[in-house]
Amino acid sequence: MLFRRFSLIVYALLILIPLLVVLLTSVKTLQETFANPLGFPKDGLKFENYVAIFQEQTMAGYFMNSTIVTLFSVVLTLLFASMIAYGITRLNSWMGNVVFALFTLGMMIPAQVIMVPLYSLMLDFGLTNSLVGLILVNISSTLPIAVFILTGFMKTLPRELFEASTIDGAGNWQMFAKIAIPLSLPSLSATAIFLFVMHWNDLLYPLLFITDNAYKTLPLALLEFQGQYSTNYPMLFTGVIIASAPMVVAYVFLQRFFVAGMTAGAVKG
């Protein structure tokens, strides 16, 4: 018990200390940051960095781009993944197992392996420097993990409900919309939070496909504070805090659904 408490304290410090450094740096000037990186500001907290970021019209555009890409990516991924997961569970045969195995294999392919052919494909279709192209790539990259999570949950749904609905004359689309989706809301909520974090923080695909400033997302825009010879750490860390705020707020308000969704279906019967 003592060792467990000590381990938890050490783990908490490993998280809190970097977080505290980021928060303190965001309310310092650049000179104070280099003079005393780990100390408190001498002349009080300075929020000019936050004011400067919000005054930049380009930063507001980056925030809007991230919001559009993340929102459409999460919603469309959940829509397709839920339909695929429902189809796999309803097949209940070797064909369903084959489809599920193919999506599982998609989770094993690192994104870096397919960067060159993916970029060539997007270039041929004219989808580079496009939010639509970025959304399509996000959907294809996270669809396997979403199908994996939702299939595991939908397999635990009572088949008697679907059999009774079939006797009453309900079709597959009706059973999907009126039975599978309502019963899967905890798992859908957990998957939505997971996808939101992945898409909101994604840097690889925007860095690969976006070069026009008009289509940059927030993580990609934060690279502008890093130069070849120097880095504006106060502005960079301020941007990191602002970019992290939506995720923190979403998790605080939806943590109940996240925990319920991740544990739902873990025990059958």
C-alpha atoms as a PDB file:
ATOM      1  CA  MET A   1       0.000   0.000   0.000  1.00  0.00           C
ATOM      2  CA  LEU A   2       2.801   2.415   0.864  1.00  0.00           C
ATOM      3  CA  PHE A   3       4.626   1.637  -2.366  1.00  0.00           C
ATOM      4  CA  ARG A   4       1.426   2.190  -4.348  1.00  0.00           C
ATOM      5  CA  ARG A   5       0.863   5.602  -2.766  1.00  0.00           C
ATOM      6  CA  PHE A   6       4.468   6.584  -3.377  1.00  0.00           C
ATOM      7  CA  SER A   7       4.185   5.514  -7.019  1.00  0.00           C
ATOM      8  CA  LEU A   8       0.988   7.535  -7.458  1.00  0.00           C
ATOM      9  CA  ILE A   9       2.627  10.624  -5.936  1.00  0.00           C
ATOM     10  CA  VAL A  10       5.622  10.306  -8.265  1.00  0.00           C
ATOM     11  CA  TYR A  11       3.326   9.800 -11.250  1.00  0.00           C
ATOM     12  CA  ALA A  12       1.244  12.847 -10.282  1.00  0.00           C
ATOM     13  CA  LEU A  13       4.384  14.987  -9.967  1.00  0.00           C
ATOM     14  CA  LEU A  14       5.587  13.861 -13.395  1.00  0.00           C
ATOM     15  CA  ILE A  15       2.331  15.224 -14.824  1.00  0.00           C
ATOM     16  CA  LEU A  16       1.880  18.329 -12.667  1.00  0.00           C
ATOM     17  CA  ILE A  17       5.412  19.751 -12.920  1.00  0.00           C
ATOM     18  CA  PRO A  18       5.470  20.037 -16.758  1.00  0.00           C
ATOM     19  CA  LEU A  19       1.911  21.381 -16.672  1.00  0.00           C
ATOM     20  CA  LEU A  20       2.930  24.008 -14.110  1.00  0.00           C
ATOM     21  CA  VAL A  21       5.931  25.001 -16.233  1.00  0.00           C
ATOM     22  CA  VAL A  22       3.688  25.461 -19.284  1.00  0.00           C
ATOM     23  CA  LEU A  23       1.184  27.569 -17.314  1.00  0.00           C
ATOM     24  CA  LEU A  24       3.873  29.768 -15.780  1.00  0.00           C
ATOM     25  CA  THR A  25       5.692  30.249 -19.079  1.00  0.00           C
ATOM     26  CA  SER A  26       2.471  31.397 -20.751  1.00  0.00           C
ATOM     27  CA  VAL A  27       2.239  34.346 -18.328  1.00  0.00           C
ATOM     28  CA  LYS A  28       5.879  35.433 -18.679  1.00  0.00           C
ATOM     29  CA  THR A  29       7.759  37.540 -21.153  1.00  0.00           C
ATOM     30  CA  LEU A  30      10.385  35.980 -23.376  1.00  0.00           C
ATOM     31  CA  GLN A  31      13.172  37.594 -21.331  1.00  0.00           C
ATOM     32  CA  GLU A  32      11.794  36.225 -18.054  1.00  0.00           C
ATOM     33  CA  THR A  33      11.490  32.772 -19.574  1.00  0.00           C
ATOM     34  CA  PHE A  34      15.154  32.571 -20.534  1.00  0.00           C
ATOM     35  CA  ALA A  35      16.312  34.266 -17.311  1.00  0.00           C
ATOM     36  CA  ASN A  36      14.374  31.944 -14.999  1.00  0.00           C
ATOM     37  CA  PRO A  37      12.670  29.081 -16.889  1.00  0.00           C
ATOM     38  CA  LEU A  38      11.233  27.332 -13.820  1.00  0.00           C
ATOM     39  CA  GLY A  39      10.542  30.343 -11.603  1.00  0.00           C
ATOM     40  CA  PHE A  40       7.538  32.578 -11.055  1.00  0.00           C
ATOM     41  CA  PRO A  41       7.234  35.898 -12.911  1.00  0.00           C
ATOM     42  CA  LYS A  42       8.957  38.677 -10.954  1.00  0.00           C
ATOM     43  CA  ASP A  43       6.480  41.464 -11.684  1.00  0.00           C
ATOM     44  CA  GLY A  44       3.263  39.443 -11.475  1.00  0.00           C
ATOM     45  CA  LEU A  45       1.345  37.419 -14.005  1.00  0.00           C
ATOM     46  CA  LYS A  46       1.244  38.831 -17.524  1.00  0.00           C
ATOM     47  CA  PHE A  47      -1.646  37.893 -19.796  1.00  0.00           C
ATOM     48  CA  GLU A  48      -0.436  39.845 -22.803  1.00  0.00           C
ATOM     49  CA  ASN A  49       0.345  36.590 -24.599  1.00  0.00           C
ATOM     50  CA  TYR A  50      -3.305  35.505 -24.445  1.00  0.00           C
ATOM     51  CA  VAL A  51      -4.464  38.926 -25.616  1.00  0.00           C
ATOM     52  CA  ALA A  52      -1.959  38.874 -28.480  1.00  0.00           C
ATOM     53  CA  ILE A  53      -3.070  35.446 -29.683  1.00  0.00           C
ATOM     54  CA  PHE A  54      -6.771  36.314 -29.632  1.00  0.00           C
ATOM     55  CA  GLN A  55      -6.085  39.601 -31.414  1.00  0.00           C
ATOM     56  CA  GLU A  56      -4.555  37.755 -34.344  1.00  0.00           C
ATOM     57  CA  GLN A  57      -7.228  37.097 -36.945  1.00  0.00           C
ATOM     58  CA  THR A  58      -5.208  34.241 -38.413  1.00  0.00           C
ATOM     59  CA  MET A  59      -5.267  32.353 -35.096  1.00  0.00           C
ATOM     60  CA  ALA A  60      -9.074  32.590 -35.027  1.00  0.00           C
ATOM     61  CA  GLY A  61      -9.103  31.115 -38.537  1.00  0.00           C
ATOM     62  CA  TYR A  62      -6.836  28.257 -37.470  1.00  0.00           C
ATOM     63  CA  PHE A  63      -9.135  27.551 -34.532  1.00  0.00           C
ATOM     64  CA  MET A  64     -12.144  27.483 -36.864  1.00  0.00           C
ATOM     65  CA  ASN A  65     -10.362  25.124 -39.272  1.00  0.00           C
ATOM     66  CA  SER A  66      -9.583  22.720 -36.426  1.00  0.00           C
ATOM     67  CA  THR A  67     -13.189  22.894 -35.261  1.00  0.00           C
ATOM     68  CA  ILE A  68     -14.581  22.138 -38.728  1.00  0.00           C
ATOM     69  CA  VAL A  69     -12.170  19.281 -39.412  1.00  0.00           C
ATOM     70  CA  THR A  70     -12.624  17.717 -35.974  1.00  0.00           C
ATOM     71  CA  LEU A  71     -16.417  18.028 -35.930  1.00  0.00           C
ATOM     72  CA  PHE A  72     -16.991  16.517 -39.364  1.00  0.00           C
ATOM     73  CA  SER A  73     -14.321  13.829 -38.844  1.00  0.00           C
ATOM     74  CA  VAL A  74     -15.831  12.673 -35.541  1.00  0.00           C
ATOM     75  CA  VAL A  75     -19.455  12.712 -36.711  1.00  0.00           C
ATOM     76  CA  LEU A  76     -18.822  10.945 -40.031  1.00  0.00           C
ATOM     77  CA  THR A  77     -16.453   8.396 -38.479  1.00  0.00           C
ATOM     78  CA  LEU A  78     -19.052   7.519 -35.839  1.00  0.00           C
ATOM     79  CA  LEU A  79     -21.757   7.259 -38.502  1.00  0.00           C
ATOM     80  CA  PHE A  80     -19.784   4.895 -40.748  1.00  0.00           C
ATOM     81  CA  ALA A  81     -18.264   2.920 -37.873  1.00  0.00           C
ATOM     82  CA  SER A  82     -21.631   2.335 -36.203  1.00  0.00           C
ATOM     83  CA  MET A  83     -23.157   1.063 -39.459  1.00  0.00           C
ATOM     84  CA  ILE A  84     -20.178  -1.222 -40.115  1.00  0.00           C
ATOM     85  CA  ALA A  85     -20.167  -2.525 -36.529  1.00  0.00           C
ATOM     86  CA  TYR A  86     -23.912  -3.207 -36.728  1.00  0.00           C
ATOM     87  CA  GLY A  87     -23.456  -5.038 -40.017  1.00  0.00           C
ATOM     88  CA  ILE A  88     -20.638  -7.178 -38.600  1.00  0.00           C
ATOM     89  CA  THR A  89     -22.656  -8.195 -35.547  1.00  0.00           C
ATOM     90  CA  ARG A  90     -25.781  -8.897 -37.587  1.00  0.00           C
ATOM     91  CA  LEU A  91     -23.923 -11.109 -40.057  1.00  0.00           C
ATOM     92  CA  ASN A  92     -22.817 -13.400 -37.216  1.00  0.00           C
ATOM     93  CA  SER A  93     -20.950 -15.647 -39.632  1.00  0.00           C
ATOM     94  CA  TRP A  94     -17.513 -16.115 -41.126  1.00  0.00           C
ATOM     95  CA  MET A  95     -18.128 -13.131 -43.399  1.00  0.00           C
ATOM     96  CA  GLY A  96     -18.575 -10.864 -40.383  1.00  0.00           C
ATOM     97  CA  ASN A  97     -15.374 -12.218 -38.860  1.00  0.00           C
ATOM     98  CA  VAL A  98     -13.481 -11.572 -42.100  1.00  0.00           C
ATOM     99  CA  VAL A  99     -14.721  -7.966 -42.314  1.00  0.00           C
ATOM    100  CA  PHE A 100     -13.861  -7.397 -38.660  1.00  0.00           C
ATOM    101  CA  ALA A 101     -10.391  -8.895 -39.180  1.00  0.00           C
ATOM    102  CA  LEU A 102      -9.747  -6.589 -42.145  1.00  0.00           C
ATOM    103  CA  PHE A 103     -10.577  -3.515 -40.077  1.00  0.00           C
ATOM    104  CA  THR A 104      -8.441  -4.838 -37.238  1.00  0.00           C
ATOM    105  CA  LEU A 105      -5.520  -5.188 -39.646  1.00  0.00           C
ATOM    106  CA  GLY A 106      -5.999  -1.524 -40.517  1.00  0.00           C
ATOM    107  CA  MET A 107      -5.079  -0.655 -36.923  1.00  0.00           C
ATOM    108  CA  MET A 108      -1.701  -2.365 -37.338  1.00  0.00           C
ATOM    109  CA  ILE A 109      -0.458  -0.191 -40.210  1.00  0.00           C
ATOM    110  CA  PRO A 110       1.479   2.868 -38.975  1.00  0.00           C
ATOM    111  CA  ALA A 111       0.505   6.142 -40.607  1.00  0.00           C
ATOM    112  CA  GLN A 112       4.146   6.838 -41.507  1.00  0.00           C
ATOM    113  CA  VAL A 113       4.268   3.741 -43.719  1.00  0.00           C
ATOM    114  CA  ILE A 114       1.572   5.010 -46.091  1.00  0.00           C
ATOM    115  CA  MET A 115       2.550   8.688 -46.152  1.00  0.00           C
ATOM    116  CA  VAL A 116       4.105   8.661 -49.641  1.00  0.00           C
ATOM    117  CA  PRO A 117       1.376   6.709 -51.494  1.00  0.00           C
ATOM    118  CA  LEU A 118      -1.323   8.588 -49.571  1.00  0.00           C
ATOM    119  CA  TYR A 119       0.122  11.950 -50.528  1.00  0.00           C
ATOM    120  CA  SER A 120       0.398  10.837 -54.157  1.00  0.00           C
ATOM    121  CA  LEU A 121      -3.241   9.710 -54.116  1.00  0.00           C
ATOM    122  CA  MET A 122      -4.458  12.944 -52.545  1.00  0.00           C
ATOM    123  CA  LEU A 123      -2.446  14.966 -55.050  1.00  0.00           C
ATOM    124  CA  ASP A 124      -3.978  13.072 -57.982  1.00  0.00           C
ATOM    125  CA  PHE A 125      -7.501  13.791 -56.679  1.00  0.00           C
ATOM    126  CA  GLY A 126      -6.695  17.444 -56.000  1.00  0.00           C
ATOM    127  CA  LEU A 127      -7.422  17.127 -52.279  1.00  0.00           C
ATOM    128  CA  THR A 128      -4.242  18.685 -50.916  1.00  0.00           C
ATOM    129  CA  ASN A 129      -4.668  22.112 -49.277  1.00  0.00           C
ATOM    130  CA  SER A 130      -8.283  21.201 -48.637  1.00  0.00           C
ATOM    131  CA  LEU A 131     -10.272  20.724 -45.437  1.00  0.00           C
ATOM    132  CA  VAL A 132     -12.392  18.138 -47.254  1.00  0.00           C
ATOM    133  CA  GLY A 133      -9.294  16.093 -48.067  1.00  0.00           C
ATOM    134  CA  LEU A 134      -8.125  16.351 -44.462  1.00  0.00           C
ATOM    135  CA  ILE A 135     -11.512  15.156 -43.217  1.00  0.00           C
ATOM    136  CA  LEU A 136     -11.468  12.175 -45.587  1.00  0.00           C
ATOM    137  CA  VAL A 137      -7.988  11.168 -44.452  1.00  0.00           C
ATOM    138  CA  ASN A 138      -9.007  11.490 -40.799  1.00  0.00           C
ATOM    139  CA  ILE A 139     -12.030   9.274 -41.339  1.00  0.00           C
ATOM    140  CA  SER A 140     -10.047   6.574 -43.122  1.00  0.00           C
ATOM    141  CA  SER A 141      -7.284   6.599 -40.500  1.00  0.00           C
ATOM    142  CA  THR A 142      -9.525   6.308 -37.418  1.00  0.00           C
ATOM    143  CA  LEU A 143     -12.328   4.171 -38.850  1.00  0.00           C
ATOM    144  CA  PRO A 144     -10.622   0.868 -37.902  1.00  0.00           C
ATOM    145  CA  ILE A 145     -10.266   1.730 -34.202  1.00  0.00           C
ATOM    146  CA  ALA A 146     -13.848   3.064 -34.081  1.00  0.00           C
ATOM    147  CA  VAL A 147     -15.174  -0.120 -35.695  1.00  0.00           C
ATOM    148  CA  PHE A 148     -13.122  -2.203 -33.256  1.00  0.00           C
ATOM    149  CA  ILE A 149     -14.585  -0.434 -30.198  1.00  0.00           C
ATOM    150  CA  LEU A 150     -18.192  -0.320 -31.385  1.00  0.00           C
ATOM    151  CA  THR A 151     -18.212  -3.915 -32.638  1.00  0.00           C
ATOM    152  CA  GLY A 152     -17.045  -5.153 -29.251  1.00  0.00           C
ATOM    153  CA  PHE A 153     -19.946  -3.356 -27.595  1.00  0.00           C
ATOM    154  CA  MET A 154     -22.656  -4.226 -30.128  1.00  0.00           C
ATOM    155  CA  LYS A 155     -21.811  -7.907 -29.813  1.00  0.00           C
ATOM    156  CA  THR A 156     -23.079  -7.722 -26.216  1.00  0.00           C
ATOM    157  CA  LEU A 157     -26.526  -6.421 -27.219  1.00  0.00           C
ATOM    158  CA  PRO A 158     -29.277  -9.032 -26.666  1.00  0.00           C
ATOM    159  CA  ARG A 159     -30.117 -10.762 -29.923  1.00  0.00           C
ATOM    160  CA  GLU A 160     -33.641 -11.350 -28.607  1.00  0.00           C
ATOM    161  CA  LEU A 161     -34.396  -7.657 -29.134  1.00  0.00           C
ATOM    162  CA  PHE A 162     -33.510  -7.881 -32.816  1.00  0.00           C
ATOM    163  CA  GLU A 163     -35.383 -11.155 -33.267  1.00  0.00           C
ATOM    164  CA  ALA A 164     -38.504  -9.666 -31.686  1.00  0.00           C
ATOM    165  CA  SER A 165     -38.199  -6.596 -33.894  1.00  0.00           C
ATOM    166  CA  THR A 166     -37.888  -8.807 -36.972  1.00  0.00           C
ATOM    167  CA  ILE A 167     -41.084 -10.625 -36.009  1.00  0.00           C
ATOM    168  CA  ASP A 168     -42.804  -7.227 -35.663  1.00  0.00           C
ATOM    169  CA  GLY A 169     -41.750  -6.409 -39.214  1.00  0.00           C
ATOM    170  CA  ALA A 170     -38.846  -4.037 -38.538  1.00  0.00           C
ATOM    171  CA  GLY A 171     -36.136  -3.836 -41.173  1.00  0.00           C
ATOM    172  CA  ASN A 172     -32.405  -3.588 -40.632  1.00  0.00           C
ATOM    173  CA  TRP A 173     -32.374   0.215 -40.883  1.00  0.00           C
ATOM    174  CA  GLN A 174     -35.175   0.488 -38.313  1.00  0.00           C
ATOM    175  CA  MET A 175     -33.413  -1.876 -35.911  1.00  0.00           C
ATOM    176  CA  PHE A 176     -30.174   0.028 -36.401  1.00  0.00           C
ATOM    177  CA  ALA A 177     -31.758   3.428 -35.710  1.00  0.00           C
ATOM    178  CA  LYS A 178     -34.218   2.454 -32.972  1.00  0.00           C
ATOM    179  CA  ILE A 179     -32.395  -0.346 -31.130  1.00  0.00           C
ATOM    180  CA  ALA A 180     -28.667  -0.502 -31.849  1.00  0.00           C
ATOM    181  CA  ILE A 181     -27.927   3.242 -31.709  1.00  0.00           C
ATOM    182  CA  PRO A 182     -29.904   4.078 -28.521  1.00  0.00           C
ATOM    183  CA  LEU A 183     -28.410   1.105 -26.662  1.00  0.00           C
ATOM    184  CA  SER A 184     -24.904   1.983 -27.889  1.00  0.00           C
ATOM    185  CA  LEU A 185     -24.918   5.612 -26.717  1.00  0.00           C
ATOM    186  CA  PRO A 186     -22.386   5.000 -23.877  1.00  0.00           C
ATOM    187  CA  SER A 187     -19.936   3.359 -26.268  1.00  0.00           C
ATOM    188  CA  LEU A 188     -20.579   6.010 -28.939  1.00  0.00           C
ATOM    189  CA  SER A 189     -19.883   8.763 -26.402  1.00  0.00           C
ATOM    190  CA  ALA A 190     -16.606   7.178 -25.318  1.00  0.00           C
ATOM    191  CA  THR A 191     -15.536   6.676 -28.933  1.00  0.00           C
ATOM    192  CA  ALA A 192     -16.478  10.279 -29.755  1.00  0.00           C
ATOM    193  CA  ILE A 193     -14.219  11.625 -26.996  1.00  0.00           C
ATOM    194  CA  PHE A 194     -11.395   9.360 -28.139  1.00  0.00           C
ATOM    195  CA  LEU A 195     -11.776  10.487 -31.760  1.00  0.00           C
ATOM    196  CA  PHE A 196     -12.071  14.134 -30.735  1.00  0.00           C
ATOM    197  CA  VAL A 197      -8.713  14.027 -28.961  1.00  0.00           C
ATOM    198  CA  MET A 198      -7.050  12.278 -31.903  1.00  0.00           C
ATOM    199  CA  HIS A 199      -8.377  14.637 -34.576  1.00  0.00           C
ATOM    200  CA  TRP A 200      -7.973  17.842 -32.576  1.00  0.00           C
ATOM    201  CA  ASN A 201      -4.335  17.083 -31.752  1.00  0.00           C
ATOM    202  CA  ASP A 202      -3.414  15.660 -35.140  1.00  0.00           C
ATOM    203  CA  LEU A 203      -0.302  17.246 -36.612  1.00  0.00           C
ATOM    204  CA  LEU A 204       0.938  14.619 -39.063  1.00  0.00           C
ATOM    205  CA  TYR A 205      -1.757  14.868 -41.728  1.00  0.00           C
ATOM    206  CA  PRO A 206      -2.102  18.694 -41.696  1.00  0.00           C
ATOM    207  CA  LEU A 207       1.688  18.919 -41.913  1.00  0.00           C
ATOM    208  CA  LEU A 208       1.662  16.502 -44.840  1.00  0.00           C
ATOM    209  CA  PHE A 209      -1.254  17.893 -46.860  1.00  0.00           C
ATOM    210  CA  ILE A 210      -1.655  21.565 -45.868  1.00  0.00           C
ATOM    211  CA  THR A 211       0.710  24.325 -46.988  1.00  0.00           C
ATOM    212  CA  ASP A 212      -1.753  27.186 -47.545  1.00  0.00           C
ATOM    213  CA  ASN A 213      -2.206  29.357 -44.435  1.00  0.00           C
ATOM    214  CA  ALA A 214      -5.943  29.571 -45.091  1.00  0.00           C
ATOM    215  CA  TYR A 215      -6.369  25.854 -44.362  1.00  0.00           C
ATOM    216  CA  LYS A 216      -3.944  25.352 -41.469  1.00  0.00           C
ATOM    217  CA  THR A 217      -5.240  23.789 -38.271  1.00  0.00           C
ATOM    218  CA  LEU A 218      -4.321  24.870 -34.759  1.00  0.00           C
ATOM    219  CA  PRO A 219      -1.577  22.262 -34.062  1.00  0.00           C
ATOM    220  CA  LEU A 220       0.078  23.137 -37.373  1.00  0.00           C
ATOM    221  CA  ALA A 221      -0.186  26.857 -36.643  1.00  0.00           C
ATOM    222  CA  LEU A 222       1.680  26.433 -33.342  1.00  0.00           C
ATOM    223  CA  LEU A 223       4.783  25.536 -35.334  1.00  0.00           C
ATOM    224  CA  GLU A 224       4.933  29.158 -36.457  1.00  0.00           C
ATOM    225  CA  PHE A 225       6.231  30.107 -33.012  1.00  0.00           C
ATOM    226  CA  GLN A 226       9.282  27.911 -33.590  1.00  0.00           C
ATOM    227  CA  GLY A 227      12.093  29.381 -35.661  1.00  0.00           C
ATOM    228  CA  GLN A 228      15.326  27.951 -36.953  1.00  0.00           C
ATOM    229  CA  TYR A 229      17.437  29.676 -34.323  1.00  0.00           C
ATOM    230  CA  SER A 230      14.969  30.651 -31.592  1.00  0.00           C
ATOM    231  CA  THR A 231      11.553  29.752 -30.233  1.00  0.00           C
ATOM    232  CA  ASN A 232       8.990  32.070 -28.676  1.00  0.00           C
ATOM    233  CA  TYR A 233       8.186  29.752 -25.762  1.00  0.00           C
ATOM    234  CA  PRO A 234       5.662  32.039 -23.995  1.00  0.00           C
ATOM    235  CA  MET A 235       3.541  32.347 -27.149  1.00  0.00           C
ATOM    236  CA  LEU A 236       4.002  28.672 -27.983  1.00  0.00           C
ATOM    237  CA  PHE A 237       2.888  27.513 -24.544  1.00  0.00           C
ATOM    238  CA  THR A 238       0.001  29.981 -24.595  1.00  0.00           C
ATOM    239  CA  GLY A 239      -1.134  28.437 -27.855  1.00  0.00           C
ATOM    240  CA  VAL A 240      -0.780  24.953 -26.365  1.00  0.00           C
ATOM    241  CA  ILE A 241      -3.036  25.893 -23.443  1.00  0.00           C
ATOM    242  CA  ILE A 242      -5.651  27.418 -25.728  1.00  0.00           C
ATOM    243  CA  ALA A 243      -5.529  24.361 -27.992  1.00  0.00           C
ATOM    244  CA  SER A 244      -5.891  22.035 -25.001  1.00  0.00           C
ATOM    245  CA  ALA A 245      -8.794  23.912 -23.415  1.00  0.00           C
ATOM    246  CA  PRO A 246     -11.577  22.363 -25.581  1.00  0.00           C
ATOM    247  CA  MET A 247     -10.337  18.848 -24.784  1.00  0.00           C
ATOM    248  CA  VAL A 248     -10.217  19.538 -21.051  1.00  0.00           C
ATOM    249  CA  VAL A 249     -13.710  21.046 -21.069  1.00  0.00           C
ATOM    250  CA  ALA A 250     -15.088  18.163 -23.136  1.00  0.00           C
ATOM    251  CA  TYR A 251     -13.601  15.558 -20.834  1.00  0.00           C
ATOM    252  CA  VAL A 252     -14.775  17.309 -17.636  1.00  0.00           C
ATOM    253  CA  PHE A 253     -18.384  17.389 -18.836  1.00  0.00           C
ATOM    254  CA  LEU A 254     -18.363  13.997 -20.582  1.00  0.00           C
ATOM    255  CA  GLN A 255     -16.130  11.922 -18.295  1.00  0.00           C
ATOM    256  CA  ARG A 256     -19.157  10.053 -16.936  1.00  0.00           C
ATOM    257  CA  PHE A 257     -20.043   8.896 -20.451  1.00  0.00           C
ATOM    258  CA  PHE A 258     -16.395   8.119 -21.202  1.00  0.00           C
ATOM    259  CA  VAL A 259     -15.997   5.813 -18.187  1.00  0.00           C
ATOM    260  CA  ALA A 260     -19.396   4.197 -18.797  1.00  0.00           C
ATOM    261  CA  GLY A 261     -18.624   3.661 -22.468  1.00  0.00           C
ATOM    262  CA  MET A 262     -15.236   2.088 -21.872  1.00  0.00           C
ATOM    263  CA  THR A 263     -16.622  -0.343 -19.261  1.00  0.00           C
ATOM    264  CA  ALA A 264     -19.920  -1.111 -20.994  1.00  0.00           C
ATOM    265  CA  GLY A 265     -19.876  -4.532 -22.538  1.00  0.00           C
ATOM    266  CA  ALA A 266     -16.771  -5.568 -20.609  1.00  0.00           C
ATOM    267  CA  VAL A 267     -18.794  -8.115 -18.678  1.00  0.00           C
ATOM    268  CA  LYS A 268     -21.553 -10.001 -20.438  1.00  0.00           C
ATOM    269  CA  GLY A 269     -24.472 -11.475 -18.595  1.00  0.00           C
END
